[in-house]
Amino acid sequence: MFDKLFLCLCSSGVFGDADEVKSVSGIEGENVTLLTNVTELQSAHMIMWSFGPQETCIARIHRKANEISIHDDVLDGRFRDRLQVDNQTGSLTITNITTQHSGLYRWTIYSIKVISYKYSLNAHAHLPVLIIIINSSQCSSSSEGSSVSKCVLLCSVMNVSHVSLSWYKGNSLLSSISVSDLNIRLSLPLVVEYQDTNTYRCVINNTITNHTQHLNITEICQPCSGVSAVIHY
């Protein structure tokens, strides 16, 4: 009877949707909880959690029957052994998240009327290692005839998406590049003089975290050395 009631309500499309979509972010490996902000579900309440554009049911609670059903084998098992539902509040916890868990979640409560709320989860991959490629081979002669050494720094990251890569001199932004595509290489060059005593830093960041590498030019760049180096940070 419970299954038939849910099927009927879902297929009939009678949802009192709230306009707001609550955004939630997390990093791969973390546990994320989608809070319902309900202190305690009433005995007459039935709720359902669904995921994705097809609104696939992943969990539901029937308070009167004191039943919790977890459907973690759907969608190729991406939720297997990762879902926990609070029987008192209906909040959904997804453990050990991956980028596959990013998307739209819907919490629907069936009582006197049917109301649903939406959550947008953005699960970020861990920020990758920064790769600094150093080339000190560019030498030229100044107007006075003395040698001027230029050091070319290339800051790179591999297999990234939805990140920004930036060069700073002190606290001043020099250049930046962003990407939203999946799993590409991102690189950003910087040309400095060997005599430069400023502190530079390369920063990779997403919406919730960042990774910064500070560079001392006089330590890593040698004048007219013709030396190239690759450093992983």
C-alpha atoms as a PDB file:
ATOM      1  CA  MET A   1       0.000   0.000   0.000  1.00  0.00           C
ATOM      2  CA  PHE A   2       2.837   2.340   0.868  1.00  0.00           C
ATOM      3  CA  ASP A   3       4.598   1.707  -2.459  1.00  0.00           C
ATOM      4  CA  LYS A   4       1.367   2.278  -4.387  1.00  0.00           C
ATOM      5  CA  LEU A   5       0.698   5.528  -2.558  1.00  0.00           C
ATOM      6  CA  PHE A   6       4.167   6.859  -3.399  1.00  0.00           C
ATOM      7  CA  LEU A   7       3.834   5.801  -7.018  1.00  0.00           C
ATOM      8  CA  CYS A   8       0.488   7.541  -7.296  1.00  0.00           C
ATOM      9  CA  LEU A   9       1.692  10.772  -5.756  1.00  0.00           C
ATOM     10  CA  CYS A  10       4.879  10.890  -7.827  1.00  0.00           C
ATOM     11  CA  SER A  11       3.217  10.174 -11.129  1.00  0.00           C
ATOM     12  CA  SER A  12       0.405  12.633 -10.569  1.00  0.00           C
ATOM     13  CA  GLY A  13       2.829  15.548 -10.356  1.00  0.00           C
ATOM     14  CA  VAL A  14       1.163  17.162  -7.351  1.00  0.00           C
ATOM     15  CA  PHE A  15       4.119  18.981  -5.853  1.00  0.00           C
ATOM     16  CA  GLY A  16       4.075  22.216  -3.910  1.00  0.00           C
ATOM     17  CA  ASP A  17       7.626  23.130  -4.975  1.00  0.00           C
ATOM     18  CA  ALA A  18       9.530  25.727  -3.035  1.00  0.00           C
ATOM     19  CA  ASP A  19      11.257  28.103  -5.459  1.00  0.00           C
ATOM     20  CA  GLU A  20      14.549  28.170  -3.592  1.00  0.00           C
ATOM     21  CA  VAL A  21      17.309  25.709  -4.438  1.00  0.00           C
ATOM     22  CA  LYS A  22      19.702  25.324  -1.524  1.00  0.00           C
ATOM     23  CA  SER A  23      23.349  24.988  -2.594  1.00  0.00           C
ATOM     24  CA  VAL A  24      25.596  22.553  -0.734  1.00  0.00           C
ATOM     25  CA  SER A  25      29.291  21.914  -1.435  1.00  0.00           C
ATOM     26  CA  GLY A  26      31.769  19.290  -0.324  1.00  0.00           C
ATOM     27  CA  ILE A  27      35.080  17.669  -1.202  1.00  0.00           C
ATOM     28  CA  GLU A  28      35.512  14.064  -2.308  1.00  0.00           C
ATOM     29  CA  GLY A  29      35.718  11.753   0.689  1.00  0.00           C
ATOM     30  CA  GLU A  30      33.681  13.990   2.990  1.00  0.00           C
ATOM     31  CA  ASN A  31      30.226  13.312   4.422  1.00  0.00           C
ATOM     32  CA  VAL A  32      27.515  15.772   3.395  1.00  0.00           C
ATOM     33  CA  THR A  33      24.137  16.183   5.100  1.00  0.00           C
ATOM     34  CA  LEU A  34      21.137  17.726   3.362  1.00  0.00           C
ATOM     35  CA  LEU A  35      19.216  19.246   6.260  1.00  0.00           C
ATOM     36  CA  THR A  36      15.427  19.430   6.198  1.00  0.00           C
ATOM     37  CA  ASN A  37      15.259  21.975   9.049  1.00  0.00           C
ATOM     38  CA  VAL A  38      12.419  19.934  10.529  1.00  0.00           C
ATOM     39  CA  THR A  39      12.650  19.328  14.281  1.00  0.00           C
ATOM     40  CA  GLU A  40      10.598  16.140  14.199  1.00  0.00           C
ATOM     41  CA  LEU A  41       8.468  14.450  11.572  1.00  0.00           C
ATOM     42  CA  GLN A  42       4.852  13.868  12.536  1.00  0.00           C
ATOM     43  CA  SER A  43       3.378  10.373  12.612  1.00  0.00           C
ATOM     44  CA  ALA A  44       1.293  11.070   9.514  1.00  0.00           C
ATOM     45  CA  HIS A  45       4.295  12.209   7.486  1.00  0.00           C
ATOM     46  CA  MET A  46       5.794  10.273   4.623  1.00  0.00           C
ATOM     47  CA  ILE A  47       8.879  11.628   2.893  1.00  0.00           C
ATOM     48  CA  MET A  48      10.954  10.757  -0.132  1.00  0.00           C
ATOM     49  CA  TRP A  49      14.409  11.755  -1.334  1.00  0.00           C
ATOM     50  CA  SER A  50      15.051  11.690  -5.070  1.00  0.00           C
ATOM     51  CA  PHE A  51      18.066  12.506  -7.234  1.00  0.00           C
ATOM     52  CA  GLY A  52      18.789  13.685 -10.760  1.00  0.00           C
ATOM     53  CA  PRO A  53      16.733  14.893 -13.707  1.00  0.00           C
ATOM     54  CA  GLN A  54      14.611  11.731 -13.625  1.00  0.00           C
ATOM     55  CA  GLU A  55      13.983  12.218  -9.882  1.00  0.00           C
ATOM     56  CA  THR A  56      15.040   8.676  -9.079  1.00  0.00           C
ATOM     57  CA  CYS A  57      13.904   7.660  -5.595  1.00  0.00           C
ATOM     58  CA  ILE A  58      16.908   6.954  -3.349  1.00  0.00           C
ATOM     59  CA  ALA A  59      15.309   6.952   0.134  1.00  0.00           C
ATOM     60  CA  ARG A  60      11.954   7.280   1.862  1.00  0.00           C
ATOM     61  CA  ILE A  61      10.406   7.253   5.322  1.00  0.00           C
ATOM     62  CA  HIS A  62       6.931   6.149   6.384  1.00  0.00           C
ATOM     63  CA  ARG A  63       6.634   7.474   9.931  1.00  0.00           C
ATOM     64  CA  LYS A  64       3.334   5.793  10.779  1.00  0.00           C
ATOM     65  CA  ALA A  65       4.674   2.379   9.816  1.00  0.00           C
ATOM     66  CA  ASN A  66       8.109   3.264  11.249  1.00  0.00           C
ATOM     67  CA  GLU A  67       9.723   2.217   7.977  1.00  0.00           C
ATOM     68  CA  ILE A  68      12.869   3.526   6.298  1.00  0.00           C
ATOM     69  CA  SER A  69      13.660   2.324   2.784  1.00  0.00           C
ATOM     70  CA  ILE A  70      17.070   2.980   1.223  1.00  0.00           C
ATOM     71  CA  HIS A  71      17.376   2.499  -2.547  1.00  0.00           C
ATOM     72  CA  ASP A  72      21.151   2.693  -2.912  1.00  0.00           C
ATOM     73  CA  ASP A  73      21.356   0.197  -5.771  1.00  0.00           C
ATOM     74  CA  VAL A  74      19.821   2.578  -8.321  1.00  0.00           C
ATOM     75  CA  LEU A  75      21.812   4.642 -10.839  1.00  0.00           C
ATOM     76  CA  ASP A  76      24.521   2.001 -11.276  1.00  0.00           C
ATOM     77  CA  GLY A  77      25.032   1.753  -7.520  1.00  0.00           C
ATOM     78  CA  ARG A  78      26.681   5.140  -7.081  1.00  0.00           C
ATOM     79  CA  PHE A  79      24.952   5.518  -3.687  1.00  0.00           C
ATOM     80  CA  ARG A  80      25.630   1.980  -2.463  1.00  0.00           C
ATOM     81  CA  ASP A  81      26.389   1.933   1.298  1.00  0.00           C
ATOM     82  CA  ARG A  82      26.565   5.733   1.323  1.00  0.00           C
ATOM     83  CA  LEU A  83      23.047   6.853   2.348  1.00  0.00           C
ATOM     84  CA  GLN A  84      21.776   7.532   5.853  1.00  0.00           C
ATOM     85  CA  VAL A  85      18.367   9.017   6.705  1.00  0.00           C
ATOM     86  CA  ASP A  86      17.473  10.573  10.058  1.00  0.00           C
ATOM     87  CA  ASN A  87      14.162   9.047  11.136  1.00  0.00           C
ATOM     88  CA  GLN A  88      13.308  12.055  13.306  1.00  0.00           C
ATOM     89  CA  THR A  89      14.057  14.911  10.903  1.00  0.00           C
ATOM     90  CA  GLY A  90      14.231  13.237   7.492  1.00  0.00           C
ATOM     91  CA  SER A  91      17.676  14.745   6.803  1.00  0.00           C
ATOM     92  CA  LEU A  92      19.774  12.812   4.280  1.00  0.00           C
ATOM     93  CA  THR A  93      23.493  12.129   4.761  1.00  0.00           C
ATOM     94  CA  ILE A  94      25.687  10.999   1.868  1.00  0.00           C
ATOM     95  CA  THR A  95      28.950   9.516   3.119  1.00  0.00           C
ATOM     96  CA  ASN A  96      32.291   9.481   1.314  1.00  0.00           C
ATOM     97  CA  ILE A  97      31.014  11.609  -1.560  1.00  0.00           C
ATOM     98  CA  THR A  98      32.456  11.591  -5.059  1.00  0.00           C
ATOM     99  CA  THR A  99      31.875  13.882  -8.023  1.00  0.00           C
ATOM    100  CA  GLN A 100      29.214  11.399  -9.191  1.00  0.00           C
ATOM    101  CA  HIS A 101      27.006  12.613  -6.353  1.00  0.00           C
ATOM    102  CA  SER A 102      26.869  16.162  -7.703  1.00  0.00           C
ATOM    103  CA  GLY A 103      23.425  17.160  -8.903  1.00  0.00           C
ATOM    104  CA  LEU A 104      19.914  18.088  -7.880  1.00  0.00           C
ATOM    105  CA  TYR A 105      18.245  16.409  -4.899  1.00  0.00           C
ATOM    106  CA  ARG A 106      14.577  16.739  -3.999  1.00  0.00           C
ATOM    107  CA  TRP A 107      13.048  16.213  -0.565  1.00  0.00           C
ATOM    108  CA  THR A 108       9.290  15.672  -0.734  1.00  0.00           C
ATOM    109  CA  ILE A 109       7.016  15.516   2.286  1.00  0.00           C
ATOM    110  CA  TYR A 110       3.545  14.010   2.012  1.00  0.00           C
ATOM    111  CA  SER A 111       1.073  15.164   4.635  1.00  0.00           C
ATOM    112  CA  ILE A 112      -2.116  17.224   4.344  1.00  0.00           C
ATOM    113  CA  LYS A 113      -0.489  18.695   1.260  1.00  0.00           C
ATOM    114  CA  VAL A 114       2.563  17.696  -0.742  1.00  0.00           C
ATOM    115  CA  ILE A 115       5.569  20.017  -0.568  1.00  0.00           C
ATOM    116  CA  SER A 116       9.061  19.519  -1.951  1.00  0.00           C
ATOM    117  CA  TYR A 117      12.365  21.304  -1.535  1.00  0.00           C
ATOM    118  CA  LYS A 118      15.437  21.186  -3.756  1.00  0.00           C
ATOM    119  CA  TYR A 119      19.142  20.961  -2.992  1.00  0.00           C
ATOM    120  CA  SER A 120      22.023  21.375  -5.432  1.00  0.00           C
ATOM    121  CA  LEU A 121      25.095  19.418  -4.341  1.00  0.00           C
ATOM    122  CA  ASN A 122      28.479  20.245  -5.844  1.00  0.00           C
ATOM    123  CA  ALA A 123      31.061  17.612  -4.909  1.00  0.00           C
ATOM    124  CA  HIS A 124      34.557  18.852  -5.737  1.00  0.00           C
ATOM    125  CA  ALA A 125      37.542  16.666  -6.473  1.00  0.00           C
ATOM    126  CA  HIS A 126      40.658  17.243  -4.376  1.00  0.00           C
ATOM    127  CA  LEU A 127      42.816  19.997  -5.835  1.00  0.00           C
ATOM    128  CA  PRO A 128      45.727  18.485  -7.769  1.00  0.00           C
ATOM    129  CA  VAL A 129      49.446  19.036  -7.294  1.00  0.00           C
ATOM    130  CA  LEU A 130      50.803  22.284  -8.724  1.00  0.00           C
ATOM    131  CA  ILE A 131      53.554  21.822 -11.310  1.00  0.00           C
ATOM    132  CA  ILE A 132      55.992  24.714 -11.795  1.00  0.00           C
ATOM    133  CA  ILE A 133      58.135  24.544 -14.936  1.00  0.00           C
ATOM    134  CA  ILE A 134      61.137  26.886 -14.704  1.00  0.00           C
ATOM    135  CA  ASN A 135      63.120  28.025 -17.751  1.00  0.00           C
ATOM    136  CA  SER A 136      66.075  30.342 -17.100  1.00  0.00           C
ATOM    137  CA  SER A 137      67.538  30.088 -20.581  1.00  0.00           C
ATOM    138  CA  GLN A 138      66.195  33.362 -21.987  1.00  0.00           C
ATOM    139  CA  CYS A 139      69.045  35.902 -21.971  1.00  0.00           C
ATOM    140  CA  SER A 140      69.312  39.093 -23.949  1.00  0.00           C
ATOM    141  CA  SER A 141      71.484  42.188 -24.052  1.00  0.00           C
ATOM    142  CA  SER A 142      70.262  45.485 -22.697  1.00  0.00           C
ATOM    143  CA  SER A 143      70.927  48.851 -24.362  1.00  0.00           C
ATOM    144  CA  GLU A 144      73.959  49.286 -22.088  1.00  0.00           C
ATOM    145  CA  GLY A 145      75.384  46.008 -23.325  1.00  0.00           C
ATOM    146  CA  SER A 146      74.899  44.078 -20.092  1.00  0.00           C
ATOM    147  CA  SER A 147      73.161  40.744 -19.999  1.00  0.00           C
ATOM    148  CA  VAL A 148      69.554  40.652 -18.825  1.00  0.00           C
ATOM    149  CA  SER A 149      68.174  37.363 -17.566  1.00  0.00           C
ATOM    150  CA  LYS A 150      64.516  36.499 -17.931  1.00  0.00           C
ATOM    151  CA  CYS A 151      63.000  33.593 -16.068  1.00  0.00           C
ATOM    152  CA  VAL A 152      59.879  31.974 -17.457  1.00  0.00           C
ATOM    153  CA  LEU A 153      57.631  30.221 -14.941  1.00  0.00           C
ATOM    154  CA  LEU A 154      54.793  28.012 -16.119  1.00  0.00           C
ATOM    155  CA  CYS A 155      52.278  26.999 -13.453  1.00  0.00           C
ATOM    156  CA  SER A 156      50.281  23.932 -14.500  1.00  0.00           C
ATOM    157  CA  VAL A 157      47.726  21.489 -13.128  1.00  0.00           C
ATOM    158  CA  MET A 158      46.519  18.250 -14.669  1.00  0.00           C
ATOM    159  CA  ASN A 159      43.042  16.738 -15.020  1.00  0.00           C
ATOM    160  CA  VAL A 160      41.038  19.579 -13.519  1.00  0.00           C
ATOM    161  CA  SER A 161      37.545  20.996 -13.864  1.00  0.00           C
ATOM    162  CA  HIS A 162      35.709  23.962 -12.362  1.00  0.00           C
ATOM    163  CA  VAL A 163      38.876  25.616 -11.036  1.00  0.00           C
ATOM    164  CA  SER A 164      40.811  28.857 -11.469  1.00  0.00           C
ATOM    165  CA  LEU A 165      44.590  29.221 -11.776  1.00  0.00           C
ATOM    166  CA  SER A 166      46.189  32.563 -10.884  1.00  0.00           C
ATOM    167  CA  TRP A 167      49.539  34.337 -10.513  1.00  0.00           C
ATOM    168  CA  TYR A 168      50.004  36.917  -7.755  1.00  0.00           C
ATOM    169  CA  LYS A 169      52.838  39.330  -6.961  1.00  0.00           C
ATOM    170  CA  GLY A 170      52.429  39.884  -3.260  1.00  0.00           C
ATOM    171  CA  ASN A 171      48.709  40.465  -2.884  1.00  0.00           C
ATOM    172  CA  SER A 172      48.235  41.842  -6.410  1.00  0.00           C
ATOM    173  CA  LEU A 173      46.599  39.624  -9.026  1.00  0.00           C
ATOM    174  CA  LEU A 174      48.707  39.486 -12.193  1.00  0.00           C
ATOM    175  CA  SER A 175      46.789  36.996 -14.331  1.00  0.00           C
ATOM    176  CA  SER A 176      44.143  34.329 -14.034  1.00  0.00           C
ATOM    177  CA  ILE A 177      42.483  31.620 -16.088  1.00  0.00           C
ATOM    178  CA  SER A 178      39.422  29.486 -15.331  1.00  0.00           C
ATOM    179  CA  VAL A 179      38.025  26.252 -16.702  1.00  0.00           C
ATOM    180  CA  SER A 180      34.700  24.469 -16.409  1.00  0.00           C
ATOM    181  CA  ASP A 181      35.422  21.568 -18.778  1.00  0.00           C
ATOM    182  CA  LEU A 182      36.194  18.135 -17.409  1.00  0.00           C
ATOM    183  CA  ASN A 183      39.674  16.693 -16.953  1.00  0.00           C
ATOM    184  CA  ILE A 184      41.877  19.067 -18.905  1.00  0.00           C
ATOM    185  CA  ARG A 185      45.340  20.541 -18.346  1.00  0.00           C
ATOM    186  CA  LEU A 186      45.467  24.172 -17.267  1.00  0.00           C
ATOM    187  CA  SER A 187      48.645  26.284 -17.590  1.00  0.00           C
ATOM    188  CA  LEU A 188      49.494  29.917 -16.898  1.00  0.00           C
ATOM    189  CA  PRO A 189      52.905  31.514 -17.726  1.00  0.00           C
ATOM    190  CA  LEU A 190      54.773  34.269 -15.901  1.00  0.00           C
ATOM    191  CA  VAL A 191      57.936  36.068 -17.048  1.00  0.00           C
ATOM    192  CA  VAL A 192      60.150  37.712 -14.407  1.00  0.00           C
ATOM    193  CA  GLU A 193      63.661  39.118 -14.187  1.00  0.00           C
ATOM    194  CA  TYR A 194      66.261  37.285 -12.173  1.00  0.00           C
ATOM    195  CA  GLN A 195      66.919  40.365 -10.025  1.00  0.00           C
ATOM    196  CA  ASP A 196      63.261  40.523  -9.008  1.00  0.00           C
ATOM    197  CA  THR A 197      63.024  40.332  -5.212  1.00  0.00           C
ATOM    198  CA  ASN A 198      59.235  40.256  -5.054  1.00  0.00           C
ATOM    199  CA  THR A 199      57.414  37.201  -3.768  1.00  0.00           C
ATOM    200  CA  TYR A 200      55.225  35.471  -6.334  1.00  0.00           C
ATOM    201  CA  ARG A 201      52.641  32.784  -5.795  1.00  0.00           C
ATOM    202  CA  CYS A 202      50.614  30.478  -7.968  1.00  0.00           C
ATOM    203  CA  VAL A 203      47.129  29.678  -6.673  1.00  0.00           C
ATOM    204  CA  ILE A 204      44.628  27.039  -7.749  1.00  0.00           C
ATOM    205  CA  ASN A 205      41.163  27.323  -6.276  1.00  0.00           C
ATOM    206  CA  ASN A 206      37.580  26.185  -6.586  1.00  0.00           C
ATOM    207  CA  THR A 207      34.541  27.562  -4.806  1.00  0.00           C
ATOM    208  CA  ILE A 208      35.419  26.077  -1.416  1.00  0.00           C
ATOM    209  CA  THR A 209      39.183  25.640  -1.128  1.00  0.00           C
ATOM    210  CA  ASN A 210      42.560  26.637  -2.589  1.00  0.00           C
ATOM    211  CA  HIS A 211      46.165  25.510  -2.869  1.00  0.00           C
ATOM    212  CA  THR A 212      48.927  28.139  -2.896  1.00  0.00           C
ATOM    213  CA  GLN A 213      52.620  27.863  -3.752  1.00  0.00           C
ATOM    214  CA  HIS A 214      54.968  30.748  -2.876  1.00  0.00           C
ATOM    215  CA  LEU A 215      58.060  31.213  -5.040  1.00  0.00           C
ATOM    216  CA  ASN A 216      61.324  33.029  -4.327  1.00  0.00           C
ATOM    217  CA  ILE A 217      62.676  34.107  -7.711  1.00  0.00           C
ATOM    218  CA  THR A 218      66.307  34.467  -6.615  1.00  0.00           C
ATOM    219  CA  GLU A 219      66.270  30.892  -5.337  1.00  0.00           C
ATOM    220  CA  ILE A 220      64.689  29.125  -8.295  1.00  0.00           C
ATOM    221  CA  CYS A 221      65.882  31.242 -11.252  1.00  0.00           C
ATOM    222  CA  GLN A 222      69.572  31.368 -12.231  1.00  0.00           C
ATOM    223  CA  PRO A 223      70.769  34.121 -14.615  1.00  0.00           C
ATOM    224  CA  CYS A 224      71.467  32.902 -18.152  1.00  0.00           C
ATOM    225  CA  SER A 225      71.947  29.388 -16.848  1.00  0.00           C
ATOM    226  CA  GLY A 226      70.160  27.687 -19.698  1.00  0.00           C
ATOM    227  CA  VAL A 227      68.607  25.454 -17.075  1.00  0.00           C
ATOM    228  CA  SER A 228      65.050  24.162 -17.146  1.00  0.00           C
ATOM    229  CA  ALA A 229      63.436  22.469 -14.170  1.00  0.00           C
ATOM    230  CA  VAL A 230      60.124  20.934 -13.185  1.00  0.00           C
ATOM    231  CA  ILE A 231      59.019  21.203  -9.563  1.00  0.00           C
ATOM    232  CA  HIS A 232      55.962  19.485  -8.064  1.00  0.00           C
ATOM    233  CA  TYR A 233      54.329  21.108  -5.041  1.00  0.00           C
END
